[in-house]
Amino acid sequence: MNYYLFKAILIFFSLPLVISEKIPQSKVLPIIPDYMDSLYSGPKAVGKLSNKEIDEASGIAFSRTHEDIIYTHNDSGGKPYIYMIDTYGGEKGKIILEGVKNRDWEDIAVGPGPNPNLHYIYVGDIGDNRGVYPEIFIHRLAEPKPFTSELRIKPKTLKLTYPDGPKDAETLMVDPVSKDIFILSKRDSSNTLYRIPTTAFEKDEYVLEKVMELPFTMSVGGDIAFDGTQVLIKNYLTVFFWERKTGETIPEALSREPLILPYKPEPQGEAIAFHPSGRSYYTLSEQRFNIRPVLYRYNKK
């Protein structure tokens, strides 16, 4: 066998083991749980990103105002831009956030806000690999309309502190039912869920409310379906799924054991979002190993 081919195969099959050895071990669920669910089909590659500026896509979220538009962004040190792409990875423009920096943007969500007639984009500047930042930030802006290829918007910014010291986090979710905002930590052995009420934006600063621990680690993205009935959280190797019962809070739903959905491991997959229909979810990776990011879709059967 060709030496270079053998080396490539060895790296491919050993990568999950190398990753798992570097991840804090979960207290309950194994790092790669057994496949438990067949609600969704396997991955379908729907397109590569045409905008080469998007090389560290760390979050995705579907617009509620414009059909088949996805918002995404680069992470640490990138420009304060929200990029807009279509469901095939095509470039559709960008929103420039004025007056803020991209220290370490890690996730994005779309949900309700102060005006019930509008939908809002939430950008989480919540990354902290070394766990040293005394505060994190969420930037909120109303979804723009009409749609243009380049916009400049000054967002409303909320400064946040953890009640138990700095944390690294890459998961931001907004509940369309309660309007609560959730942040999930990444690097602790059992990731911790924190809550922020939407009214916190009226105060400019807020101390996160610690809600619960989840039985897995290294969470890198999540989303709540537009009708609030489904929840996704992913780490580098697994997509966890919950169906939310009528009247349940998000923490009550997450207290049950999750189902495991299909997932094709990506070079550095950190982004996941439900389609507005709730009938599919999409994933996207950062660019690694000179592999252009591919947008994947998983359909409900």
C-alpha atoms as a PDB file:
ATOM      1  CA  MET A   1       0.000   0.000   0.000  1.00  0.00           C
ATOM      2  CA  ASN A   2       1.220   3.518  -0.812  1.00  0.00           C
ATOM      3  CA  TYR A   3       2.853   5.021   2.316  1.00  0.00           C
ATOM      4  CA  TYR A   4       0.948   8.306   2.107  1.00  0.00           C
ATOM      5  CA  LEU A   5      -2.372   6.528   1.585  1.00  0.00           C
ATOM      6  CA  PHE A   6      -1.676   4.314   4.600  1.00  0.00           C
ATOM      7  CA  LYS A   7      -0.798   7.378   6.707  1.00  0.00           C
ATOM      8  CA  ALA A   8      -4.016   9.153   5.663  1.00  0.00           C
ATOM      9  CA  ILE A   9      -6.130   6.102   6.576  1.00  0.00           C
ATOM     10  CA  LEU A  10      -4.376   5.782   9.936  1.00  0.00           C
ATOM     11  CA  ILE A  11      -5.032   9.456  10.754  1.00  0.00           C
ATOM     12  CA  PHE A  12      -8.710   9.180   9.721  1.00  0.00           C
ATOM     13  CA  PHE A  13      -9.438   6.198  11.944  1.00  0.00           C
ATOM     14  CA  SER A  14      -7.386   7.390  14.915  1.00  0.00           C
ATOM     15  CA  LEU A  15      -8.744  10.970  14.985  1.00  0.00           C
ATOM     16  CA  PRO A  16     -11.878  10.167  17.063  1.00  0.00           C
ATOM     17  CA  LEU A  17      -9.696   8.367  19.627  1.00  0.00           C
ATOM     18  CA  VAL A  18      -7.258  11.281  19.821  1.00  0.00           C
ATOM     19  CA  ILE A  19     -10.139  13.718  20.269  1.00  0.00           C
ATOM     20  CA  SER A  20     -11.793  11.611  22.956  1.00  0.00           C
ATOM     21  CA  GLU A  21      -8.557  11.349  24.945  1.00  0.00           C
ATOM     22  CA  LYS A  22      -8.347  15.149  25.076  1.00  0.00           C
ATOM     23  CA  ILE A  23     -11.995  15.629  26.112  1.00  0.00           C
ATOM     24  CA  PRO A  24     -12.997  15.586  29.791  1.00  0.00           C
ATOM     25  CA  GLN A  25     -14.874  12.365  30.410  1.00  0.00           C
ATOM     26  CA  SER A  26     -18.631  12.571  30.928  1.00  0.00           C
ATOM     27  CA  LYS A  27     -20.052  11.338  34.216  1.00  0.00           C
ATOM     28  CA  VAL A  28     -23.031   9.537  32.622  1.00  0.00           C
ATOM     29  CA  LEU A  29     -23.073   9.235  28.835  1.00  0.00           C
ATOM     30  CA  PRO A  30     -20.058   7.788  27.006  1.00  0.00           C
ATOM     31  CA  ILE A  31     -18.123  10.148  24.755  1.00  0.00           C
ATOM     32  CA  ILE A  32     -19.479   8.316  21.670  1.00  0.00           C
ATOM     33  CA  PRO A  33     -22.922   6.985  22.699  1.00  0.00           C
ATOM     34  CA  ASP A  34     -24.498   4.097  20.833  1.00  0.00           C
ATOM     35  CA  TYR A  35     -26.677   5.180  17.932  1.00  0.00           C
ATOM     36  CA  MET A  36     -30.200   5.250  19.338  1.00  0.00           C
ATOM     37  CA  ASP A  37     -32.513   6.851  16.823  1.00  0.00           C
ATOM     38  CA  SER A  38     -33.730   6.655  13.240  1.00  0.00           C
ATOM     39  CA  LEU A  39     -36.011   9.700  13.113  1.00  0.00           C
ATOM     40  CA  TYR A  40     -33.688  11.428  10.642  1.00  0.00           C
ATOM     41  CA  SER A  41     -31.861  10.295   7.533  1.00  0.00           C
ATOM     42  CA  GLY A  42     -28.131  10.361   7.059  1.00  0.00           C
ATOM     43  CA  PRO A  43     -26.303  13.456   5.782  1.00  0.00           C
ATOM     44  CA  LYS A  44     -26.836  15.039   2.392  1.00  0.00           C
ATOM     45  CA  ALA A  45     -24.142  17.449   1.223  1.00  0.00           C
ATOM     46  CA  VAL A  46     -26.115  20.368  -0.195  1.00  0.00           C
ATOM     47  CA  GLY A  47     -23.225  22.632  -1.159  1.00  0.00           C
ATOM     48  CA  LYS A  48     -19.853  24.150  -0.365  1.00  0.00           C
ATOM     49  CA  LEU A  49     -19.636  27.715   0.920  1.00  0.00           C
ATOM     50  CA  SER A  50     -18.995  30.073  -1.955  1.00  0.00           C
ATOM     51  CA  ASN A  51     -17.894  32.976   0.278  1.00  0.00           C
ATOM     52  CA  LYS A  52     -14.224  32.313   1.091  1.00  0.00           C
ATOM     53  CA  GLU A  53     -14.331  34.887   3.914  1.00  0.00           C
ATOM     54  CA  ILE A  54     -16.272  32.307   5.940  1.00  0.00           C
ATOM     55  CA  ASP A  55     -13.446  30.054   7.098  1.00  0.00           C
ATOM     56  CA  GLU A  56     -14.235  29.564  10.809  1.00  0.00           C
ATOM     57  CA  ALA A  57     -18.007  29.207  10.821  1.00  0.00           C
ATOM     58  CA  SER A  58     -18.799  28.574  14.459  1.00  0.00           C
ATOM     59  CA  GLY A  59     -22.594  28.933  14.435  1.00  0.00           C
ATOM     60  CA  ILE A  60     -25.578  28.944  12.081  1.00  0.00           C
ATOM     61  CA  ALA A  61     -29.208  30.032  12.451  1.00  0.00           C
ATOM     62  CA  PHE A  62     -32.101  30.262  10.010  1.00  0.00           C
ATOM     63  CA  SER A  63     -33.843  33.552   9.383  1.00  0.00           C
ATOM     64  CA  ARG A  64     -37.493  33.805  10.399  1.00  0.00           C
ATOM     65  CA  THR A  65     -38.029  36.828   8.168  1.00  0.00           C
ATOM     66  CA  HIS A  66     -36.392  35.788   4.893  1.00  0.00           C
ATOM     67  CA  GLU A  67     -37.041  32.373   3.355  1.00  0.00           C
ATOM     68  CA  ASP A  68     -34.063  29.986   3.115  1.00  0.00           C
ATOM     69  CA  ILE A  69     -31.525  32.473   4.469  1.00  0.00           C
ATOM     70  CA  ILE A  70     -28.988  31.220   6.997  1.00  0.00           C
ATOM     71  CA  TYR A  71     -26.914  33.476   9.246  1.00  0.00           C
ATOM     72  CA  THR A  72     -23.370  32.494  10.178  1.00  0.00           C
ATOM     73  CA  HIS A  73     -20.157  34.103  11.441  1.00  0.00           C
ATOM     74  CA  ASN A  74     -16.477  33.456  12.026  1.00  0.00           C
ATOM     75  CA  ASP A  75     -15.131  32.939  15.517  1.00  0.00           C
ATOM     76  CA  SER A  76     -12.233  34.434  17.496  1.00  0.00           C
ATOM     77  CA  GLY A  77     -10.602  37.464  15.953  1.00  0.00           C
ATOM     78  CA  GLY A  78     -12.868  37.574  12.927  1.00  0.00           C
ATOM     79  CA  LYS A  79     -14.586  40.689  11.685  1.00  0.00           C
ATOM     80  CA  PRO A  80     -17.860  41.677  13.399  1.00  0.00           C
ATOM     81  CA  TYR A  81     -19.867  40.398  10.439  1.00  0.00           C
ATOM     82  CA  ILE A  82     -22.933  38.196  10.232  1.00  0.00           C
ATOM     83  CA  TYR A  83     -22.723  36.467   6.866  1.00  0.00           C
ATOM     84  CA  MET A  84     -25.855  35.454   4.983  1.00  0.00           C
ATOM     85  CA  ILE A  85     -25.906  32.293   2.880  1.00  0.00           C
ATOM     86  CA  ASP A  86     -28.639  30.274   1.197  1.00  0.00           C
ATOM     87  CA  THR A  87     -29.482  26.616   1.808  1.00  0.00           C
ATOM     88  CA  TYR A  88     -26.948  25.545  -0.836  1.00  0.00           C
ATOM     89  CA  GLY A  89     -24.034  27.515   0.636  1.00  0.00           C
ATOM     90  CA  GLY A  90     -24.334  30.405  -1.804  1.00  0.00           C
ATOM     91  CA  GLU A  91     -23.280  33.896  -0.764  1.00  0.00           C
ATOM     92  CA  LYS A  92     -26.147  36.313  -0.049  1.00  0.00           C
ATOM     93  CA  GLY A  93     -24.452  39.214   1.739  1.00  0.00           C
ATOM     94  CA  LYS A  94     -23.512  40.334   5.237  1.00  0.00           C
ATOM     95  CA  ILE A  95     -24.576  42.434   8.189  1.00  0.00           C
ATOM     96  CA  ILE A  96     -21.837  44.578   9.714  1.00  0.00           C
ATOM     97  CA  LEU A  97     -22.298  45.048  13.462  1.00  0.00           C
ATOM     98  CA  GLU A  98     -21.196  48.555  14.361  1.00  0.00           C
ATOM     99  CA  GLY A  99     -19.559  49.454  17.662  1.00  0.00           C
ATOM    100  CA  VAL A 100     -18.674  45.873  18.704  1.00  0.00           C
ATOM    101  CA  LYS A 101     -15.744  43.494  18.306  1.00  0.00           C
ATOM    102  CA  ASN A 102     -15.542  39.799  17.553  1.00  0.00           C
ATOM    103  CA  ARG A 103     -13.487  38.674  20.533  1.00  0.00           C
ATOM    104  CA  ASP A 104     -14.669  35.090  20.213  1.00  0.00           C
ATOM    105  CA  TRP A 105     -18.106  34.751  18.604  1.00  0.00           C
ATOM    106  CA  GLU A 106     -19.129  31.118  19.040  1.00  0.00           C
ATOM    107  CA  ASP A 107     -22.829  30.760  18.256  1.00  0.00           C
ATOM    108  CA  ILE A 108     -25.836  32.547  16.804  1.00  0.00           C
ATOM    109  CA  ALA A 109     -29.595  32.152  17.269  1.00  0.00           C
ATOM    110  CA  VAL A 110     -32.825  33.706  16.026  1.00  0.00           C
ATOM    111  CA  GLY A 111     -35.781  34.197  18.336  1.00  0.00           C
ATOM    112  CA  PRO A 112     -38.261  36.607  19.889  1.00  0.00           C
ATOM    113  CA  GLY A 113     -37.388  39.953  21.411  1.00  0.00           C
ATOM    114  CA  PRO A 114     -38.970  43.118  22.765  1.00  0.00           C
ATOM    115  CA  ASN A 115     -41.128  43.842  19.710  1.00  0.00           C
ATOM    116  CA  PRO A 116     -43.585  40.974  19.114  1.00  0.00           C
ATOM    117  CA  ASN A 117     -43.838  41.952  15.439  1.00  0.00           C
ATOM    118  CA  LEU A 118     -40.134  41.387  14.803  1.00  0.00           C
ATOM    119  CA  HIS A 119     -37.647  38.524  14.982  1.00  0.00           C
ATOM    120  CA  TYR A 120     -34.219  39.030  16.503  1.00  0.00           C
ATOM    121  CA  ILE A 121     -30.691  37.757  15.850  1.00  0.00           C
ATOM    122  CA  TYR A 122     -28.585  36.911  18.920  1.00  0.00           C
ATOM    123  CA  VAL A 123     -24.792  36.620  18.585  1.00  0.00           C
ATOM    124  CA  GLY A 124     -22.896  35.001  21.441  1.00  0.00           C
ATOM    125  CA  ASP A 125     -19.421  36.403  22.138  1.00  0.00           C
ATOM    126  CA  ILE A 126     -19.031  33.587  24.655  1.00  0.00           C
ATOM    127  CA  GLY A 127     -15.839  31.741  23.724  1.00  0.00           C
ATOM    128  CA  ASP A 128     -13.025  31.632  26.292  1.00  0.00           C
ATOM    129  CA  ASN A 129     -10.584  28.783  25.630  1.00  0.00           C
ATOM    130  CA  ARG A 130      -8.431  29.592  28.663  1.00  0.00           C
ATOM    131  CA  GLY A 131     -11.307  30.506  31.002  1.00  0.00           C
ATOM    132  CA  VAL A 132      -9.952  33.960  31.849  1.00  0.00           C
ATOM    133  CA  TYR A 133     -12.478  36.582  30.687  1.00  0.00           C
ATOM    134  CA  PRO A 134     -14.386  38.266  33.531  1.00  0.00           C
ATOM    135  CA  GLU A 135     -17.374  38.868  31.275  1.00  0.00           C
ATOM    136  CA  ILE A 136     -18.995  37.641  28.062  1.00  0.00           C
ATOM    137  CA  PHE A 137     -21.444  39.367  25.712  1.00  0.00           C
ATOM    138  CA  ILE A 138     -24.597  38.751  23.704  1.00  0.00           C
ATOM    139  CA  HIS A 139     -25.375  41.145  20.839  1.00  0.00           C
ATOM    140  CA  ARG A 140     -29.023  41.448  19.776  1.00  0.00           C
ATOM    141  CA  LEU A 141     -30.445  43.057  16.643  1.00  0.00           C
ATOM    142  CA  ALA A 142     -33.781  42.916  14.879  1.00  0.00           C
ATOM    143  CA  GLU A 143     -33.753  40.945  11.660  1.00  0.00           C
ATOM    144  CA  PRO A 144     -33.412  43.475   8.850  1.00  0.00           C
ATOM    145  CA  LYS A 145     -36.089  44.028   6.254  1.00  0.00           C
ATOM    146  CA  PRO A 146     -36.122  44.664   3.413  1.00  0.00           C
ATOM    147  CA  PHE A 147     -33.294  42.309   2.477  1.00  0.00           C
ATOM    148  CA  THR A 148     -30.116  43.841   1.003  1.00  0.00           C
ATOM    149  CA  SER A 149     -26.671  42.369   0.403  1.00  0.00           C
ATOM    150  CA  GLU A 150     -24.865  44.644   2.881  1.00  0.00           C
ATOM    151  CA  LEU A 151     -26.251  46.313   5.972  1.00  0.00           C
ATOM    152  CA  ARG A 152     -24.813  48.185   8.922  1.00  0.00           C
ATOM    153  CA  ILE A 153     -26.610  47.803  12.253  1.00  0.00           C
ATOM    154  CA  LYS A 154     -25.658  48.797  15.785  1.00  0.00           C
ATOM    155  CA  PRO A 155     -26.820  45.987  18.101  1.00  0.00           C
ATOM    156  CA  LYS A 156     -27.988  46.081  21.693  1.00  0.00           C
ATOM    157  CA  THR A 157     -25.285  44.447  23.837  1.00  0.00           C
ATOM    158  CA  LEU A 158     -25.763  42.601  27.119  1.00  0.00           C
ATOM    159  CA  LYS A 159     -22.740  42.071  29.382  1.00  0.00           C
ATOM    160  CA  LEU A 160     -22.823  38.811  31.348  1.00  0.00           C
ATOM    161  CA  THR A 161     -20.848  37.237  34.174  1.00  0.00           C
ATOM    162  CA  TYR A 162     -20.951  33.655  35.451  1.00  0.00           C
ATOM    163  CA  PRO A 163     -21.891  33.045  39.084  1.00  0.00           C
ATOM    164  CA  ASP A 164     -19.092  30.472  39.421  1.00  0.00           C
ATOM    165  CA  GLY A 165     -16.196  32.007  37.497  1.00  0.00           C
ATOM    166  CA  PRO A 166     -15.196  32.264  33.814  1.00  0.00           C
ATOM    167  CA  LYS A 167     -16.197  29.475  31.445  1.00  0.00           C
ATOM    168  CA  ASP A 168     -15.623  28.560  27.832  1.00  0.00           C
ATOM    169  CA  ALA A 169     -18.906  28.166  25.935  1.00  0.00           C
ATOM    170  CA  GLU A 170     -19.909  27.643  22.305  1.00  0.00           C
ATOM    171  CA  THR A 171     -23.661  27.012  22.547  1.00  0.00           C
ATOM    172  CA  LEU A 172     -26.313  29.750  22.535  1.00  0.00           C
ATOM    173  CA  MET A 173     -30.050  28.985  22.272  1.00  0.00           C
ATOM    174  CA  VAL A 174     -33.194  31.120  22.488  1.00  0.00           C
ATOM    175  CA  ASP A 175     -36.487  29.590  23.591  1.00  0.00           C
ATOM    176  CA  PRO A 176     -39.358  30.913  21.429  1.00  0.00           C
ATOM    177  CA  VAL A 177     -41.859  29.940  24.137  1.00  0.00           C
ATOM    178  CA  SER A 178     -40.434  31.514  27.315  1.00  0.00           C
ATOM    179  CA  LYS A 179     -38.099  33.913  25.443  1.00  0.00           C
ATOM    180  CA  ASP A 180     -35.310  32.776  27.793  1.00  0.00           C
ATOM    181  CA  ILE A 181     -31.750  32.670  26.463  1.00  0.00           C
ATOM    182  CA  PHE A 182     -29.530  29.683  27.310  1.00  0.00           C
ATOM    183  CA  ILE A 183     -25.756  29.280  27.274  1.00  0.00           C
ATOM    184  CA  LEU A 184     -24.155  25.861  27.662  1.00  0.00           C
ATOM    185  CA  SER A 185     -20.562  25.491  28.854  1.00  0.00           C
ATOM    186  CA  LYS A 186     -18.075  23.399  26.905  1.00  0.00           C
ATOM    187  CA  ARG A 187     -14.996  22.170  28.737  1.00  0.00           C
ATOM    188  CA  ASP A 188     -16.279  20.848  32.076  1.00  0.00           C
ATOM    189  CA  SER A 189     -16.840  17.079  32.329  1.00  0.00           C
ATOM    190  CA  SER A 190     -20.615  17.621  32.611  1.00  0.00           C
ATOM    191  CA  ASN A 191     -21.568  20.719  30.645  1.00  0.00           C
ATOM    192  CA  THR A 192     -23.527  23.328  32.600  1.00  0.00           C
ATOM    193  CA  LEU A 193     -26.650  25.105  31.353  1.00  0.00           C
ATOM    194  CA  TYR A 194     -27.135  28.782  32.275  1.00  0.00           C
ATOM    195  CA  ARG A 195     -30.230  30.921  31.755  1.00  0.00           C
ATOM    196  CA  ILE A 196     -30.748  34.608  30.960  1.00  0.00           C
ATOM    197  CA  PRO A 197     -34.270  36.097  30.886  1.00  0.00           C
ATOM    198  CA  THR A 198     -34.936  38.322  27.893  1.00  0.00           C
ATOM    199  CA  THR A 199     -35.649  41.190  30.328  1.00  0.00           C
ATOM    200  CA  ALA A 200     -31.940  41.211  31.232  1.00  0.00           C
ATOM    201  CA  PHE A 201     -31.336  43.363  28.139  1.00  0.00           C
ATOM    202  CA  GLU A 202     -33.137  46.179  29.942  1.00  0.00           C
ATOM    203  CA  LYS A 203     -30.388  46.194  32.591  1.00  0.00           C
ATOM    204  CA  ASP A 204     -27.329  46.014  30.275  1.00  0.00           C
ATOM    205  CA  GLU A 205     -25.558  43.672  32.747  1.00  0.00           C
ATOM    206  CA  TYR A 206     -26.644  40.363  34.258  1.00  0.00           C
ATOM    207  CA  VAL A 207     -25.290  37.439  36.304  1.00  0.00           C
ATOM    208  CA  LEU A 208     -26.140  34.158  34.577  1.00  0.00           C
ATOM    209  CA  GLU A 209     -28.434  31.760  36.434  1.00  0.00           C
ATOM    210  CA  LYS A 210     -26.953  28.271  36.780  1.00  0.00           C
ATOM    211  CA  VAL A 211     -29.728  25.804  35.923  1.00  0.00           C
ATOM    212  CA  MET A 212     -28.441  22.233  35.548  1.00  0.00           C
ATOM    213  CA  GLU A 213     -25.630  19.936  34.447  1.00  0.00           C
ATOM    214  CA  LEU A 214     -25.949  17.730  31.383  1.00  0.00           C
ATOM    215  CA  PRO A 215     -24.371  14.258  31.144  1.00  0.00           C
ATOM    216  CA  PHE A 216     -21.949  14.984  28.306  1.00  0.00           C
ATOM    217  CA  THR A 217     -19.071  17.272  27.484  1.00  0.00           C
ATOM    218  CA  MET A 218     -17.484  19.457  24.782  1.00  0.00           C
ATOM    219  CA  SER A 219     -20.752  20.980  23.541  1.00  0.00           C
ATOM    220  CA  VAL A 220     -20.099  23.186  20.516  1.00  0.00           C
ATOM    221  CA  GLY A 221     -23.539  24.197  19.254  1.00  0.00           C
ATOM    222  CA  GLY A 222     -27.267  23.885  19.742  1.00  0.00           C
ATOM    223  CA  ASP A 223     -30.679  25.059  18.603  1.00  0.00           C
ATOM    224  CA  ILE A 224     -34.338  25.092  19.616  1.00  0.00           C
ATOM    225  CA  ALA A 225     -36.891  24.583  16.844  1.00  0.00           C
ATOM    226  CA  PHE A 226     -38.953  27.607  15.806  1.00  0.00           C
ATOM    227  CA  ASP A 227     -42.067  26.227  17.506  1.00  0.00           C
ATOM    228  CA  GLY A 228     -40.103  25.263  20.634  1.00  0.00           C
ATOM    229  CA  THR A 229     -40.925  21.536  20.424  1.00  0.00           C
ATOM    230  CA  GLN A 230     -37.455  20.150  19.599  1.00  0.00           C
ATOM    231  CA  VAL A 231     -33.939  20.746  20.932  1.00  0.00           C
ATOM    232  CA  LEU A 232     -30.550  19.896  19.427  1.00  0.00           C
ATOM    233  CA  ILE A 233     -27.136  20.040  21.085  1.00  0.00           C
ATOM    234  CA  LYS A 234     -23.970  18.725  19.469  1.00  0.00           C
ATOM    235  CA  ASN A 235     -20.373  18.075  20.413  1.00  0.00           C
ATOM    236  CA  TYR A 236     -17.649  17.149  17.954  1.00  0.00           C
ATOM    237  CA  LEU A 237     -18.864  13.573  17.539  1.00  0.00           C
ATOM    238  CA  THR A 238     -22.543  13.396  18.502  1.00  0.00           C
ATOM    239  CA  VAL A 239     -25.888  15.164  17.986  1.00  0.00           C
ATOM    240  CA  PHE A 240     -28.227  14.938  21.000  1.00  0.00           C
ATOM    241  CA  PHE A 241     -31.978  15.395  20.513  1.00  0.00           C
ATOM    242  CA  TRP A 242     -34.972  15.998  22.789  1.00  0.00           C
ATOM    243  CA  GLU A 243     -38.669  16.358  22.049  1.00  0.00           C
ATOM    244  CA  ARG A 244     -40.281  18.878  24.362  1.00  0.00           C
ATOM    245  CA  LYS A 245     -43.680  18.098  25.816  1.00  0.00           C
ATOM    246  CA  THR A 246     -46.469  20.667  26.053  1.00  0.00           C
ATOM    247  CA  GLY A 247     -45.981  22.875  29.101  1.00  0.00           C
ATOM    248  CA  GLU A 248     -42.390  21.810  29.733  1.00  0.00           C
ATOM    249  CA  THR A 249     -39.536  24.216  30.276  1.00  0.00           C
ATOM    250  CA  ILE A 250     -36.288  23.677  28.384  1.00  0.00           C
ATOM    251  CA  PRO A 251     -34.506  22.376  31.526  1.00  0.00           C
ATOM    252  CA  GLU A 252     -37.357  19.923  32.151  1.00  0.00           C
ATOM    253  CA  ALA A 253     -37.060  18.604  28.601  1.00  0.00           C
ATOM    254  CA  LEU A 254     -33.258  18.317  28.854  1.00  0.00           C
ATOM    255  CA  SER A 255     -33.547  16.363  32.104  1.00  0.00           C
ATOM    256  CA  ARG A 256     -34.597  13.304  30.083  1.00  0.00           C
ATOM    257  CA  GLU A 257     -32.090  11.033  28.339  1.00  0.00           C
ATOM    258  CA  PRO A 258     -31.515  12.321  24.797  1.00  0.00           C
ATOM    259  CA  LEU A 259     -31.872  10.451  21.556  1.00  0.00           C
ATOM    260  CA  ILE A 260     -28.806  10.293  19.325  1.00  0.00           C
ATOM    261  CA  LEU A 261     -29.309  11.566  15.774  1.00  0.00           C
ATOM    262  CA  PRO A 262     -27.247  10.839  12.659  1.00  0.00           C
ATOM    263  CA  TYR A 263     -24.100  12.913  12.298  1.00  0.00           C
ATOM    264  CA  LYS A 264     -21.218  12.812   9.842  1.00  0.00           C
ATOM    265  CA  PRO A 265     -18.107  13.965  11.777  1.00  0.00           C
ATOM    266  CA  GLU A 266     -16.676  17.077  10.152  1.00  0.00           C
ATOM    267  CA  PRO A 267     -13.134  18.526  10.220  1.00  0.00           C
ATOM    268  CA  GLN A 268     -14.221  20.880  13.032  1.00  0.00           C
ATOM    269  CA  GLY A 269     -18.008  20.836  13.131  1.00  0.00           C
ATOM    270  CA  GLU A 270     -19.331  23.444  15.565  1.00  0.00           C
ATOM    271  CA  ALA A 271     -22.540  24.723  13.938  1.00  0.00           C
ATOM    272  CA  ILE A 272     -26.042  23.217  13.908  1.00  0.00           C
ATOM    273  CA  ALA A 273     -29.548  24.599  13.300  1.00  0.00           C
ATOM    274  CA  PHE A 274     -33.091  23.458  12.631  1.00  0.00           C
ATOM    275  CA  HIS A 275     -34.728  24.394   9.358  1.00  0.00           C
ATOM    276  CA  PRO A 276     -37.802  26.608  10.067  1.00  0.00           C
ATOM    277  CA  SER A 277     -40.077  23.701   9.137  1.00  0.00           C
ATOM    278  CA  GLY A 278     -38.643  21.584  11.948  1.00  0.00           C
ATOM    279  CA  ARG A 279     -38.332  18.763   9.408  1.00  0.00           C
ATOM    280  CA  SER A 280     -34.563  18.917   8.960  1.00  0.00           C
ATOM    281  CA  TYR A 281     -31.377  20.163  10.586  1.00  0.00           C
ATOM    282  CA  TYR A 282     -28.183  21.504   9.050  1.00  0.00           C
ATOM    283  CA  THR A 283     -24.544  21.354  10.138  1.00  0.00           C
ATOM    284  CA  LEU A 284     -21.476  23.291   9.056  1.00  0.00           C
ATOM    285  CA  SER A 285     -17.778  23.002   9.900  1.00  0.00           C
ATOM    286  CA  GLU A 286     -14.945  25.434  10.188  1.00  0.00           C
ATOM    287  CA  GLN A 287     -12.317  25.135   7.462  1.00  0.00           C
ATOM    288  CA  ARG A 288      -9.582  22.690   8.463  1.00  0.00           C
ATOM    289  CA  PHE A 289      -6.922  20.699   6.575  1.00  0.00           C
ATOM    290  CA  ASN A 290      -7.593  22.888   3.488  1.00  0.00           C
ATOM    291  CA  ILE A 291     -11.079  21.384   3.206  1.00  0.00           C
ATOM    292  CA  ARG A 292     -13.698  23.954   2.184  1.00  0.00           C
ATOM    293  CA  PRO A 293     -16.715  23.933   4.530  1.00  0.00           C
ATOM    294  CA  VAL A 294     -19.653  21.843   3.316  1.00  0.00           C
ATOM    295  CA  LEU A 295     -23.247  22.476   4.371  1.00  0.00           C
ATOM    296  CA  TYR A 296     -24.997  19.221   5.331  1.00  0.00           C
ATOM    297  CA  ARG A 297     -28.733  18.580   5.684  1.00  0.00           C
ATOM    298  CA  TYR A 298     -30.424  15.782   7.637  1.00  0.00           C
ATOM    299  CA  ASN A 299     -34.105  15.167   6.832  1.00  0.00           C
ATOM    300  CA  LYS A 300     -36.800  13.835   9.124  1.00  0.00           C
ATOM    301  CA  LYS A 301     -38.179  10.548   7.831  1.00  0.00           C
END
